[in-house]
N, C-alpha and C. Protein backbone atom coordinates (compact mmCIF):
# COMPACT_ATOMS: atom_id res chain seq x y z
N MET A 1 0.84 -1.20 -0.01
CA MET A 1 0.00 0.02 0.00
C MET A 1 0.87 1.25 0.00
N PRO A 2 0.40 2.31 -0.64
CA PRO A 2 1.15 3.56 -0.59
C PRO A 2 1.34 4.05 0.82
N LYS A 3 2.33 4.91 1.01
CA LYS A 3 2.59 5.48 2.31
C LYS A 3 1.59 6.61 2.59
N ASP A 4 1.50 7.01 3.86
CA ASP A 4 0.58 8.08 4.24
C ASP A 4 0.86 9.36 3.48
N THR A 5 2.15 9.59 3.16
CA THR A 5 2.52 10.82 2.42
C THR A 5 1.78 10.90 1.09
N PHE A 6 1.53 9.78 0.46
CA PHE A 6 0.78 9.78 -0.80
C PHE A 6 -0.67 10.18 -0.57
N PHE A 7 -1.30 9.60 0.43
CA PHE A 7 -2.70 9.92 0.69
C PHE A 7 -2.91 11.32 1.21
N ASN A 8 -1.82 11.91 1.72
CA ASN A 8 -1.89 13.29 2.20
C ASN A 8 -1.73 14.32 1.08
N LEU A 9 -1.41 13.87 -0.12
CA LEU A 9 -1.28 14.77 -1.25
C LEU A 9 -2.63 15.36 -1.67
N PRO A 10 -2.63 16.52 -2.28
CA PRO A 10 -3.88 17.05 -2.85
C PRO A 10 -4.44 16.07 -3.89
N ASP A 11 -5.76 16.01 -4.03
CA ASP A 11 -6.39 15.05 -4.95
C ASP A 11 -5.82 15.15 -6.34
N GLU A 12 -5.64 16.36 -6.83
CA GLU A 12 -5.17 16.57 -8.22
C GLU A 12 -3.80 15.95 -8.43
N LYS A 13 -2.91 16.11 -7.44
CA LYS A 13 -1.56 15.55 -7.57
C LYS A 13 -1.58 14.04 -7.46
N ARG A 14 -2.43 13.51 -6.57
CA ARG A 14 -2.58 12.06 -6.46
C ARG A 14 -3.05 11.45 -7.77
N GLN A 15 -4.03 12.09 -8.37
CA GLN A 15 -4.57 11.60 -9.62
C GLN A 15 -3.56 11.67 -10.75
N ARG A 16 -2.69 12.66 -10.73
CA ARG A 16 -1.60 12.75 -11.72
C ARG A 16 -0.68 11.55 -11.65
N VAL A 17 -0.35 11.16 -10.42
CA VAL A 17 0.52 10.00 -10.21
C VAL A 17 -0.18 8.73 -10.69
N ILE A 18 -1.46 8.57 -10.34
CA ILE A 18 -2.22 7.38 -10.74
C ILE A 18 -2.32 7.30 -12.25
N GLU A 19 -2.63 8.44 -12.88
CA GLU A 19 -2.76 8.47 -14.35
C GLU A 19 -1.45 8.14 -15.02
N ALA A 20 -0.36 8.69 -14.49
CA ALA A 20 0.95 8.43 -15.06
C ALA A 20 1.32 6.95 -14.94
N ALA A 21 0.97 6.36 -13.80
CA ALA A 21 1.25 4.93 -13.57
C ALA A 21 0.43 4.06 -14.53
N ILE A 22 -0.85 4.36 -14.70
CA ILE A 22 -1.68 3.57 -15.62
C ILE A 22 -1.13 3.68 -17.04
N GLU A 23 -0.75 4.87 -17.45
CA GLU A 23 -0.21 5.06 -18.79
C GLU A 23 1.07 4.24 -19.00
N GLU A 24 1.98 4.24 -18.00
CA GLU A 24 3.24 3.54 -18.14
C GLU A 24 3.04 2.02 -18.06
N PHE A 25 2.21 1.55 -17.15
CA PHE A 25 1.99 0.10 -17.01
C PHE A 25 1.22 -0.47 -18.20
N ALA A 26 0.38 0.36 -18.85
CA ALA A 26 -0.40 -0.11 -20.00
C ALA A 26 0.47 -0.21 -21.25
N LYS A 27 1.62 0.43 -21.27
CA LYS A 27 2.49 0.41 -22.45
C LYS A 27 3.18 -0.91 -22.67
N GLY A 28 3.48 -1.62 -21.60
CA GLY A 28 4.21 -2.88 -21.71
C GLY A 28 4.09 -3.67 -20.43
N SER A 29 5.08 -4.45 -20.12
CA SER A 29 5.01 -5.29 -18.93
C SER A 29 5.39 -4.53 -17.67
N PHE A 30 5.07 -5.10 -16.54
CA PHE A 30 5.48 -4.52 -15.28
C PHE A 30 6.99 -4.39 -15.21
N ARG A 31 7.70 -5.38 -15.71
CA ARG A 31 9.19 -5.37 -15.62
C ARG A 31 9.76 -4.24 -16.45
N GLU A 32 9.09 -3.91 -17.56
CA GLU A 32 9.60 -2.87 -18.44
C GLU A 32 9.27 -1.46 -17.99
N ALA A 33 8.26 -1.32 -17.17
CA ALA A 33 7.85 0.00 -16.69
C ALA A 33 8.96 0.66 -15.86
N ARG A 34 9.13 1.95 -16.03
CA ARG A 34 10.22 2.67 -15.37
C ARG A 34 9.66 3.69 -14.39
N VAL A 35 10.23 3.69 -13.18
CA VAL A 35 9.84 4.67 -12.17
C VAL A 35 10.13 6.08 -12.66
N THR A 36 11.27 6.25 -13.35
CA THR A 36 11.64 7.58 -13.86
C THR A 36 10.59 8.12 -14.83
N ALA A 37 10.03 7.23 -15.69
CA ALA A 37 9.02 7.64 -16.65
C ALA A 37 7.72 8.04 -15.91
N ILE A 38 7.36 7.27 -14.90
CA ILE A 38 6.15 7.60 -14.14
C ILE A 38 6.32 8.94 -13.43
N ALA A 39 7.47 9.14 -12.81
CA ALA A 39 7.72 10.38 -12.10
C ALA A 39 7.69 11.56 -13.06
N GLU A 40 8.30 11.39 -14.24
CA GLU A 40 8.32 12.47 -15.23
C GLU A 40 6.94 12.80 -15.71
N LYS A 41 6.14 11.79 -16.02
CA LYS A 41 4.76 12.02 -16.48
C LYS A 41 3.91 12.70 -15.40
N ALA A 42 4.16 12.32 -14.16
CA ALA A 42 3.37 12.87 -13.04
C ALA A 42 3.87 14.24 -12.62
N GLY A 43 5.06 14.62 -13.09
CA GLY A 43 5.62 15.93 -12.73
C GLY A 43 6.13 15.99 -11.30
N ILE A 44 6.72 14.84 -10.85
CA ILE A 44 7.27 14.81 -9.50
C ILE A 44 8.73 14.33 -9.60
N PRO A 45 9.58 14.72 -8.62
CA PRO A 45 10.94 14.18 -8.58
C PRO A 45 10.92 12.68 -8.27
N VAL A 46 11.92 11.95 -8.77
CA VAL A 46 12.02 10.54 -8.50
C VAL A 46 12.12 10.28 -6.98
N GLY A 47 12.82 11.18 -6.29
CA GLY A 47 12.94 11.05 -4.84
C GLY A 47 11.58 11.10 -4.15
N SER A 48 10.68 11.91 -4.68
CA SER A 48 9.36 12.01 -4.09
C SER A 48 8.57 10.68 -4.27
N PHE A 49 8.83 10.01 -5.40
CA PHE A 49 8.16 8.72 -5.65
C PHE A 49 8.40 7.79 -4.48
N TYR A 50 9.63 7.72 -4.01
CA TYR A 50 9.95 6.80 -2.93
C TYR A 50 9.50 7.30 -1.55
N GLN A 51 9.03 8.55 -1.53
CA GLN A 51 8.37 9.01 -0.31
C GLN A 51 6.91 8.57 -0.29
N TYR A 52 6.38 8.23 -1.47
CA TYR A 52 4.99 7.85 -1.60
C TYR A 52 4.81 6.32 -1.63
N PHE A 53 5.80 5.62 -2.22
CA PHE A 53 5.69 4.17 -2.41
C PHE A 53 7.00 3.50 -2.03
N GLU A 54 6.90 2.25 -1.58
CA GLU A 54 8.11 1.50 -1.26
C GLU A 54 8.94 1.26 -2.49
N ASP A 55 8.29 0.89 -3.57
CA ASP A 55 8.99 0.58 -4.83
C ASP A 55 7.95 0.51 -5.94
N LYS A 56 8.38 0.14 -7.13
CA LYS A 56 7.49 0.07 -8.27
C LYS A 56 6.38 -0.95 -8.06
N LYS A 57 6.67 -2.08 -7.44
CA LYS A 57 5.65 -3.11 -7.21
C LYS A 57 4.57 -2.59 -6.26
N ASP A 58 4.94 -1.81 -5.29
CA ASP A 58 3.98 -1.21 -4.35
C ASP A 58 2.97 -0.37 -5.13
N LEU A 59 3.45 0.45 -6.05
CA LEU A 59 2.55 1.26 -6.87
C LEU A 59 1.72 0.38 -7.77
N TYR A 60 2.34 -0.61 -8.37
CA TYR A 60 1.63 -1.50 -9.31
C TYR A 60 0.47 -2.21 -8.63
N LYS A 61 0.72 -2.75 -7.48
CA LYS A 61 -0.33 -3.47 -6.75
C LYS A 61 -1.45 -2.51 -6.31
N TYR A 62 -1.08 -1.26 -6.07
CA TYR A 62 -2.08 -0.26 -5.73
C TYR A 62 -2.96 0.01 -6.95
N ILE A 63 -2.35 0.13 -8.13
CA ILE A 63 -3.12 0.36 -9.35
C ILE A 63 -4.06 -0.82 -9.62
N ILE A 64 -3.56 -2.04 -9.43
CA ILE A 64 -4.41 -3.23 -9.60
C ILE A 64 -5.57 -3.17 -8.62
N GLN A 65 -5.33 -2.74 -7.42
CA GLN A 65 -6.41 -2.60 -6.41
C GLN A 65 -7.47 -1.60 -6.87
N LEU A 66 -7.01 -0.46 -7.39
CA LEU A 66 -7.96 0.55 -7.89
C LEU A 66 -8.80 0.02 -9.03
N ILE A 67 -8.13 -0.74 -9.93
CA ILE A 67 -8.85 -1.33 -11.06
C ILE A 67 -9.91 -2.32 -10.54
N ALA A 68 -9.52 -3.16 -9.60
CA ALA A 68 -10.44 -4.16 -9.05
C ALA A 68 -11.63 -3.47 -8.37
N GLU A 69 -11.38 -2.42 -7.62
CA GLU A 69 -12.44 -1.71 -6.93
C GLU A 69 -13.43 -1.07 -7.91
N GLU A 70 -12.88 -0.48 -8.96
CA GLU A 70 -13.76 0.16 -9.97
C GLU A 70 -14.57 -0.90 -10.69
N LYS A 71 -13.95 -2.02 -11.03
CA LYS A 71 -14.63 -3.09 -11.74
C LYS A 71 -15.74 -3.68 -10.87
N ILE A 72 -15.43 -3.95 -9.60
CA ILE A 72 -16.43 -4.53 -8.68
C ILE A 72 -17.60 -3.54 -8.49
N ALA A 73 -17.30 -2.24 -8.42
CA ALA A 73 -18.35 -1.25 -8.25
C ALA A 73 -19.32 -1.29 -9.43
N GLN A 74 -18.78 -1.43 -10.67
CA GLN A 74 -19.65 -1.52 -11.83
C GLN A 74 -20.46 -2.80 -11.83
N ILE A 75 -19.81 -3.93 -11.49
CA ILE A 75 -20.55 -5.20 -11.45
C ILE A 75 -21.66 -5.15 -10.42
N ASN A 76 -21.36 -4.58 -9.24
CA ASN A 76 -22.37 -4.47 -8.19
C ASN A 76 -23.54 -3.60 -8.66
N GLN A 77 -23.24 -2.54 -9.38
CA GLN A 77 -24.31 -1.67 -9.87
C GLN A 77 -25.20 -2.43 -10.85
N ASP A 78 -24.57 -3.19 -11.76
CA ASP A 78 -25.32 -3.99 -12.71
C ASP A 78 -26.13 -5.09 -12.02
N MET A 79 -25.55 -5.67 -10.98
CA MET A 79 -26.23 -6.73 -10.24
C MET A 79 -27.48 -6.19 -9.56
N ILE A 80 -27.38 -5.02 -8.93
CA ILE A 80 -28.51 -4.41 -8.25
C ILE A 80 -29.66 -4.19 -9.22
N ALA A 81 -29.30 -3.80 -10.45
CA ALA A 81 -30.32 -3.54 -11.47
C ALA A 81 -31.01 -4.84 -11.90
N ASN A 82 -30.32 -5.96 -11.80
CA ASN A 82 -30.85 -7.23 -12.31
C ASN A 82 -31.18 -8.26 -11.24
N MET A 83 -30.93 -7.91 -9.98
CA MET A 83 -31.02 -8.89 -8.90
C MET A 83 -32.39 -9.55 -8.80
N GLN A 84 -33.43 -8.77 -8.93
CA GLN A 84 -34.78 -9.28 -8.69
C GLN A 84 -35.35 -10.02 -9.92
N ARG A 85 -34.90 -9.68 -11.13
CA ARG A 85 -35.51 -10.31 -12.29
C ARG A 85 -34.72 -11.47 -12.86
N TYR A 86 -33.51 -11.70 -12.36
CA TYR A 86 -32.68 -12.79 -12.86
C TYR A 86 -32.55 -13.93 -11.83
N GLY A 87 -32.57 -15.16 -12.35
CA GLY A 87 -32.25 -16.30 -11.51
C GLY A 87 -30.73 -16.42 -11.35
N PHE A 88 -30.28 -17.41 -10.61
CA PHE A 88 -28.86 -17.53 -10.26
C PHE A 88 -27.98 -17.57 -11.49
N PHE A 89 -28.29 -18.44 -12.45
CA PHE A 89 -27.41 -18.63 -13.59
C PHE A 89 -27.44 -17.43 -14.54
N GLN A 90 -28.57 -16.81 -14.71
CA GLN A 90 -28.65 -15.57 -15.49
C GLN A 90 -27.84 -14.47 -14.81
N LEU A 91 -27.97 -14.40 -13.48
CA LEU A 91 -27.27 -13.38 -12.73
C LEU A 91 -25.76 -13.59 -12.81
N LEU A 92 -25.32 -14.85 -12.73
CA LEU A 92 -23.91 -15.14 -12.82
C LEU A 92 -23.37 -14.78 -14.20
N ARG A 93 -24.17 -15.04 -15.22
CA ARG A 93 -23.74 -14.65 -16.58
C ARG A 93 -23.63 -13.13 -16.68
N GLU A 94 -24.56 -12.44 -16.04
CA GLU A 94 -24.52 -10.96 -16.07
C GLU A 94 -23.27 -10.43 -15.38
N VAL A 95 -22.80 -11.12 -14.36
CA VAL A 95 -21.55 -10.72 -13.70
C VAL A 95 -20.41 -10.69 -14.71
N TYR A 96 -20.31 -11.77 -15.51
CA TYR A 96 -19.23 -11.85 -16.49
C TYR A 96 -19.47 -10.88 -17.64
N ALA A 97 -20.72 -10.70 -18.06
CA ALA A 97 -21.02 -9.75 -19.13
C ALA A 97 -20.67 -8.34 -18.69
N SER A 98 -20.92 -8.04 -17.43
CA SER A 98 -20.57 -6.73 -16.87
C SER A 98 -19.06 -6.53 -16.87
N ALA A 99 -18.32 -7.59 -16.52
CA ALA A 99 -16.87 -7.52 -16.54
C ALA A 99 -16.35 -7.29 -17.94
N PHE A 100 -16.98 -7.93 -18.94
CA PHE A 100 -16.58 -7.72 -20.34
C PHE A 100 -16.88 -6.27 -20.76
N ARG A 101 -18.03 -5.73 -20.35
CA ARG A 101 -18.35 -4.36 -20.69
C ARG A 101 -17.34 -3.40 -20.08
N PHE A 102 -16.96 -3.69 -18.83
CA PHE A 102 -15.95 -2.86 -18.17
C PHE A 102 -14.66 -2.85 -18.97
N ALA A 103 -14.27 -4.02 -19.44
CA ALA A 103 -13.02 -4.13 -20.22
C ALA A 103 -13.09 -3.31 -21.52
N LYS A 104 -14.27 -3.37 -22.19
CA LYS A 104 -14.43 -2.61 -23.43
C LYS A 104 -14.33 -1.11 -23.18
N GLU A 105 -14.79 -0.67 -22.02
CA GLU A 105 -14.79 0.75 -21.72
C GLU A 105 -13.43 1.25 -21.22
N HIS A 106 -12.55 0.33 -20.86
CA HIS A 106 -11.25 0.72 -20.27
C HIS A 106 -10.12 -0.07 -20.93
N PRO A 107 -9.80 0.25 -22.18
CA PRO A 107 -8.77 -0.52 -22.91
C PRO A 107 -7.41 -0.48 -22.26
N ARG A 108 -7.04 0.61 -21.62
CA ARG A 108 -5.71 0.65 -20.98
C ARG A 108 -5.66 -0.30 -19.79
N LEU A 109 -6.75 -0.43 -19.09
CA LEU A 109 -6.77 -1.36 -17.96
C LEU A 109 -6.72 -2.82 -18.43
N VAL A 110 -7.32 -3.06 -19.60
CA VAL A 110 -7.22 -4.40 -20.20
C VAL A 110 -5.75 -4.68 -20.55
N ALA A 111 -5.06 -3.68 -21.09
CA ALA A 111 -3.65 -3.86 -21.43
C ALA A 111 -2.83 -4.23 -20.20
N ILE A 112 -3.13 -3.60 -19.05
CA ILE A 112 -2.43 -3.92 -17.83
C ILE A 112 -2.74 -5.36 -17.40
N GLY A 113 -4.02 -5.74 -17.52
CA GLY A 113 -4.42 -7.11 -17.19
C GLY A 113 -3.74 -8.15 -18.04
N LEU A 114 -3.64 -7.87 -19.35
CA LEU A 114 -2.98 -8.81 -20.26
C LEU A 114 -1.50 -8.96 -19.91
N SER A 115 -0.83 -7.84 -19.63
CA SER A 115 0.59 -7.92 -19.29
C SER A 115 0.80 -8.64 -17.96
N LEU A 116 -0.14 -8.44 -17.03
CA LEU A 116 -0.05 -9.14 -15.73
C LEU A 116 -0.21 -10.64 -15.96
N TRP A 117 -1.15 -11.04 -16.81
CA TRP A 117 -1.37 -12.44 -17.07
C TRP A 117 -0.12 -13.11 -17.62
N ASN A 118 0.62 -12.39 -18.43
CA ASN A 118 1.82 -12.95 -19.07
C ASN A 118 2.99 -13.08 -18.10
N ASP A 119 2.87 -12.49 -16.93
CA ASP A 119 3.90 -12.61 -15.89
C ASP A 119 3.32 -13.52 -14.78
N LYS A 120 3.49 -14.82 -14.96
CA LYS A 120 2.79 -15.79 -14.11
C LYS A 120 3.12 -15.62 -12.63
N ALA A 121 4.40 -15.40 -12.31
CA ALA A 121 4.77 -15.26 -10.90
C ALA A 121 4.08 -14.06 -10.27
N LEU A 122 4.08 -12.96 -10.98
CA LEU A 122 3.45 -11.76 -10.46
C LEU A 122 1.93 -11.92 -10.42
N TYR A 123 1.36 -12.58 -11.43
CA TYR A 123 -0.09 -12.81 -11.45
C TYR A 123 -0.53 -13.60 -10.24
N HIS A 124 0.18 -14.67 -9.93
CA HIS A 124 -0.20 -15.48 -8.76
C HIS A 124 -0.05 -14.67 -7.47
N GLU A 125 0.95 -13.82 -7.40
CA GLU A 125 1.14 -13.00 -6.20
C GLU A 125 -0.02 -12.01 -6.04
N VAL A 126 -0.38 -11.33 -7.13
CA VAL A 126 -1.44 -10.34 -7.08
C VAL A 126 -2.80 -11.02 -6.91
N TYR A 127 -3.02 -12.13 -7.66
CA TYR A 127 -4.29 -12.85 -7.58
C TYR A 127 -4.56 -13.32 -6.16
N GLY A 128 -3.52 -13.73 -5.48
CA GLY A 128 -3.68 -14.22 -4.10
C GLY A 128 -4.26 -13.18 -3.15
N ASP A 129 -4.04 -11.90 -3.48
CA ASP A 129 -4.57 -10.82 -2.65
C ASP A 129 -6.07 -10.69 -2.75
N TYR A 130 -6.68 -11.27 -3.77
CA TYR A 130 -8.09 -11.06 -4.04
C TYR A 130 -8.94 -12.33 -3.94
N VAL A 131 -8.34 -13.43 -3.51
CA VAL A 131 -9.08 -14.68 -3.39
C VAL A 131 -10.25 -14.53 -2.42
N GLU A 132 -9.99 -13.97 -1.27
CA GLU A 132 -11.05 -13.83 -0.26
C GLU A 132 -12.14 -12.89 -0.75
N THR A 133 -11.76 -11.79 -1.39
CA THR A 133 -12.74 -10.82 -1.89
C THR A 133 -13.64 -11.47 -2.93
N SER A 134 -13.03 -12.26 -3.85
CA SER A 134 -13.79 -12.92 -4.89
C SER A 134 -14.72 -13.99 -4.29
N ALA A 135 -14.22 -14.77 -3.34
CA ALA A 135 -15.05 -15.81 -2.72
C ALA A 135 -16.24 -15.19 -1.98
N ASP A 136 -16.00 -14.09 -1.26
CA ASP A 136 -17.10 -13.42 -0.57
C ASP A 136 -18.17 -12.91 -1.54
N PHE A 137 -17.71 -12.38 -2.68
CA PHE A 137 -18.61 -11.88 -3.70
C PHE A 137 -19.51 -13.00 -4.23
N PHE A 138 -18.90 -14.15 -4.58
CA PHE A 138 -19.67 -15.25 -5.12
C PHE A 138 -20.59 -15.84 -4.04
N GLN A 139 -20.16 -15.83 -2.80
CA GLN A 139 -20.99 -16.44 -1.76
C GLN A 139 -22.32 -15.70 -1.60
N LYS A 140 -22.31 -14.38 -1.83
CA LYS A 140 -23.55 -13.61 -1.74
C LYS A 140 -24.51 -14.02 -2.85
N ILE A 141 -23.97 -14.22 -4.05
CA ILE A 141 -24.83 -14.65 -5.17
C ILE A 141 -25.38 -16.05 -4.91
N ILE A 142 -24.53 -16.92 -4.39
CA ILE A 142 -24.93 -18.30 -4.09
C ILE A 142 -26.02 -18.31 -3.04
N ALA A 143 -25.90 -17.50 -2.01
CA ALA A 143 -26.91 -17.43 -0.94
C ALA A 143 -28.25 -17.04 -1.53
N LYS A 144 -28.27 -16.10 -2.48
CA LYS A 144 -29.51 -15.69 -3.12
C LYS A 144 -30.06 -16.85 -3.96
N GLY A 145 -29.16 -17.57 -4.66
CA GLY A 145 -29.60 -18.72 -5.46
C GLY A 145 -30.25 -19.78 -4.63
N VAL A 146 -29.69 -20.06 -3.46
CA VAL A 146 -30.28 -21.03 -2.57
C VAL A 146 -31.65 -20.55 -2.04
N ALA A 147 -31.68 -19.27 -1.64
CA ALA A 147 -32.93 -18.70 -1.10
C ALA A 147 -34.05 -18.70 -2.14
N ASP A 148 -33.69 -18.49 -3.42
CA ASP A 148 -34.67 -18.45 -4.49
C ASP A 148 -35.07 -19.83 -4.99
N GLY A 149 -34.38 -20.86 -4.52
CA GLY A 149 -34.69 -22.21 -4.95
C GLY A 149 -33.99 -22.61 -6.24
N ASP A 150 -33.07 -21.81 -6.74
CA ASP A 150 -32.33 -22.15 -7.97
C ASP A 150 -31.23 -23.16 -7.72
N LEU A 151 -30.76 -23.25 -6.48
CA LEU A 151 -29.63 -24.10 -6.15
C LEU A 151 -30.02 -25.11 -5.06
N ASP A 152 -29.34 -26.18 -5.04
CA ASP A 152 -29.54 -27.25 -4.03
C ASP A 152 -29.31 -26.66 -2.64
N PRO A 153 -30.29 -26.73 -1.77
CA PRO A 153 -30.12 -26.17 -0.41
C PRO A 153 -29.08 -26.87 0.42
N ASP A 154 -28.64 -28.07 -0.01
CA ASP A 154 -27.65 -28.81 0.75
C ASP A 154 -26.20 -28.49 0.38
N ILE A 155 -26.00 -27.60 -0.61
CA ILE A 155 -24.63 -27.28 -0.99
C ILE A 155 -23.95 -26.47 0.11
N ASP A 156 -22.65 -26.49 0.10
CA ASP A 156 -21.85 -25.68 1.04
C ASP A 156 -21.50 -24.38 0.29
N PRO A 157 -22.16 -23.25 0.61
CA PRO A 157 -21.92 -22.02 -0.14
C PRO A 157 -20.46 -21.56 -0.14
N ALA A 158 -19.79 -21.72 0.97
CA ALA A 158 -18.38 -21.29 1.04
C ALA A 158 -17.51 -22.12 0.11
N PHE A 159 -17.79 -23.43 0.07
CA PHE A 159 -17.02 -24.35 -0.79
C PHE A 159 -17.27 -24.02 -2.26
N VAL A 160 -18.54 -23.84 -2.63
CA VAL A 160 -18.89 -23.54 -4.02
C VAL A 160 -18.30 -22.17 -4.44
N ALA A 161 -18.32 -21.22 -3.51
CA ALA A 161 -17.74 -19.91 -3.80
C ALA A 161 -16.24 -20.03 -4.09
N ARG A 162 -15.57 -20.90 -3.35
CA ARG A 162 -14.14 -21.14 -3.59
C ARG A 162 -13.92 -21.79 -4.96
N LEU A 163 -14.80 -22.70 -5.34
CA LEU A 163 -14.69 -23.34 -6.64
C LEU A 163 -14.89 -22.33 -7.78
N LEU A 164 -15.89 -21.46 -7.63
CA LEU A 164 -16.13 -20.43 -8.63
C LEU A 164 -14.95 -19.48 -8.76
N THR A 165 -14.33 -19.17 -7.61
CA THR A 165 -13.14 -18.34 -7.65
C THR A 165 -12.01 -19.01 -8.41
N ALA A 166 -11.82 -20.31 -8.17
CA ALA A 166 -10.80 -21.05 -8.90
C ALA A 166 -11.13 -21.12 -10.39
N LEU A 167 -12.41 -21.27 -10.71
CA LEU A 167 -12.84 -21.30 -12.10
C LEU A 167 -12.55 -19.97 -12.79
N ASN A 168 -12.60 -18.89 -12.04
CA ASN A 168 -12.25 -17.57 -12.59
C ASN A 168 -10.83 -17.59 -13.12
N TYR A 169 -9.94 -18.20 -12.37
CA TYR A 169 -8.54 -18.28 -12.80
C TYR A 169 -8.45 -19.10 -14.08
N ALA A 170 -9.15 -20.23 -14.11
CA ALA A 170 -9.14 -21.09 -15.31
C ALA A 170 -9.73 -20.33 -16.49
N LEU A 171 -10.78 -19.57 -16.27
CA LEU A 171 -11.39 -18.80 -17.35
C LEU A 171 -10.41 -17.76 -17.89
N ALA A 172 -9.69 -17.12 -16.98
CA ALA A 172 -8.69 -16.13 -17.40
C ALA A 172 -7.64 -16.77 -18.28
N GLU A 173 -7.26 -18.01 -17.96
CA GLU A 173 -6.24 -18.71 -18.75
C GLU A 173 -6.74 -18.93 -20.16
N ILE A 174 -8.04 -19.25 -20.31
CA ILE A 174 -8.61 -19.47 -21.65
C ILE A 174 -8.78 -18.13 -22.37
N VAL A 175 -9.29 -17.13 -21.68
CA VAL A 175 -9.59 -15.85 -22.31
C VAL A 175 -8.31 -15.10 -22.69
N TYR A 176 -7.33 -15.09 -21.78
CA TYR A 176 -6.11 -14.34 -22.01
C TYR A 176 -4.98 -15.19 -22.62
N GLY A 177 -5.22 -16.49 -22.74
CA GLY A 177 -4.14 -17.40 -23.10
C GLY A 177 -3.45 -17.11 -24.40
N ASP A 178 -4.22 -16.60 -25.40
CA ASP A 178 -3.59 -16.33 -26.69
C ASP A 178 -3.15 -14.87 -26.82
N GLY A 179 -3.20 -14.14 -25.71
CA GLY A 179 -2.74 -12.76 -25.72
C GLY A 179 -3.72 -11.81 -26.34
N LYS A 180 -4.97 -12.31 -26.64
CA LYS A 180 -6.01 -11.46 -27.21
C LYS A 180 -7.27 -11.57 -26.36
N LEU A 181 -8.15 -10.61 -26.54
CA LEU A 181 -9.38 -10.63 -25.76
C LEU A 181 -10.54 -10.20 -26.66
N ASP A 182 -11.44 -11.15 -26.97
CA ASP A 182 -12.62 -10.83 -27.77
C ASP A 182 -13.73 -10.41 -26.84
N LEU A 183 -13.94 -9.10 -26.75
CA LEU A 183 -14.89 -8.59 -25.77
C LEU A 183 -16.34 -8.65 -26.25
N ASP A 184 -16.56 -9.18 -27.44
CA ASP A 184 -17.92 -9.34 -27.94
C ASP A 184 -18.37 -10.79 -27.90
N ASP A 185 -17.54 -11.66 -27.39
CA ASP A 185 -17.84 -13.09 -27.43
C ASP A 185 -17.88 -13.67 -26.02
N LEU A 186 -19.10 -13.97 -25.57
CA LEU A 186 -19.28 -14.55 -24.26
C LEU A 186 -19.42 -16.07 -24.34
N GLU A 187 -19.05 -16.64 -25.48
CA GLU A 187 -19.21 -18.08 -25.67
C GLU A 187 -18.49 -18.89 -24.60
N VAL A 188 -17.27 -18.47 -24.28
CA VAL A 188 -16.48 -19.21 -23.28
C VAL A 188 -17.14 -19.17 -21.93
N VAL A 189 -17.80 -18.04 -21.61
CA VAL A 189 -18.54 -17.91 -20.35
C VAL A 189 -19.75 -18.85 -20.36
N ASP A 190 -20.45 -18.89 -21.49
CA ASP A 190 -21.63 -19.76 -21.59
C ASP A 190 -21.25 -21.22 -21.43
N LYS A 191 -20.10 -21.60 -21.99
CA LYS A 191 -19.64 -23.00 -21.87
C LYS A 191 -19.39 -23.33 -20.38
N MET A 192 -18.76 -22.38 -19.68
CA MET A 192 -18.46 -22.60 -18.28
C MET A 192 -19.76 -22.70 -17.45
N LEU A 193 -20.70 -21.81 -17.74
CA LEU A 193 -21.96 -21.81 -16.99
C LEU A 193 -22.77 -23.06 -17.28
N LYS A 194 -22.73 -23.55 -18.50
CA LYS A 194 -23.41 -24.80 -18.82
C LYS A 194 -22.84 -25.95 -18.01
N LEU A 195 -21.52 -25.96 -17.91
CA LEU A 195 -20.86 -27.00 -17.11
C LEU A 195 -21.25 -26.91 -15.64
N ILE A 196 -21.27 -25.70 -15.11
CA ILE A 196 -21.65 -25.51 -13.71
C ILE A 196 -23.08 -25.97 -13.46
N GLU A 197 -23.97 -25.61 -14.38
CA GLU A 197 -25.40 -25.91 -14.18
C GLU A 197 -25.72 -27.38 -14.42
N ASN A 198 -25.07 -28.01 -15.39
CA ASN A 198 -25.45 -29.36 -15.78
C ASN A 198 -24.45 -30.45 -15.48
N GLY A 199 -23.22 -30.06 -15.16
CA GLY A 199 -22.19 -31.06 -14.89
C GLY A 199 -21.74 -31.76 -16.17
N ILE A 200 -21.04 -32.87 -16.02
CA ILE A 200 -20.50 -33.59 -17.18
C ILE A 200 -21.05 -35.01 -17.29
N LYS A 201 -21.96 -35.35 -16.42
CA LYS A 201 -22.53 -36.71 -16.44
C LYS A 201 -23.45 -36.88 -17.66
N ASN A 202 -23.37 -38.05 -18.32
CA ASN A 202 -24.24 -38.36 -19.44
C ASN A 202 -25.58 -38.89 -18.86
N ARG A 203 -26.50 -37.98 -18.69
CA ARG A 203 -27.76 -38.37 -18.08
C ARG A 203 -28.61 -39.26 -18.97
N ALA A 204 -28.49 -39.05 -20.29
CA ALA A 204 -29.25 -39.91 -21.21
C ALA A 204 -28.78 -41.36 -21.09
N ALA A 205 -27.48 -41.56 -21.01
CA ALA A 205 -26.95 -42.93 -20.84
C ALA A 205 -27.35 -43.51 -19.52
N ALA A 206 -27.37 -42.66 -18.50
CA ALA A 206 -27.74 -43.14 -17.15
C ALA A 206 -29.21 -43.57 -17.13
N ARG A 207 -30.09 -42.81 -17.82
CA ARG A 207 -31.50 -43.17 -17.85
C ARG A 207 -31.70 -44.46 -18.68
N GLY A 208 -30.90 -44.61 -19.74
CA GLY A 208 -31.03 -45.80 -20.56
C GLY A 208 -30.61 -47.05 -19.84
N GLY A 209 -29.74 -46.91 -18.84
CA GLY A 209 -29.26 -48.07 -18.12
C GLY A 209 -30.19 -48.53 -17.02
N CYS A 210 -31.24 -47.71 -16.75
CA CYS A 210 -32.17 -48.07 -15.64
C CYS A 210 -33.20 -49.08 -16.11
């Protein structure tokens, strides 16, 4: 996290540093980003940078946190709008559709996400910071699904939330794996949701064997 000196800055100066960091991190990988370039874009001395942050990674993780907070705020807003009219699986699809819309509206943030994905060690480090947040988010949707009768009341919501969080990582591997992101194609999401809803058991064969 940034030091108190950063949060004590005037809003306009803080935003300059954030904007400069987003611009620099979106240009290439985290490893390639330069503190000197960020400081120059923000109009601050390099020495001041280290009064605000421990190092480049400290700033990078802060930017990822801001991106996550903004993305979750948009998803929550979309969920509130659809909470009452959607069942569990429709609502879960809307969560992913909302995330895709967020990505379309913020191409520089997508660029940061793609470069993070390509740095597996850093991705796992950053991803680990948000496992609990993601699991808590899914657990709320699962609780509604159980209450509405869409889901088996005997499931363990915490366990299923953990599984959905892990599936998020697997989905990212498929979506980001080729270094491209088709923001108009939710097919991969639909495949995942079909698997979650129906499983992989051949029910027709099972019925035929009875």
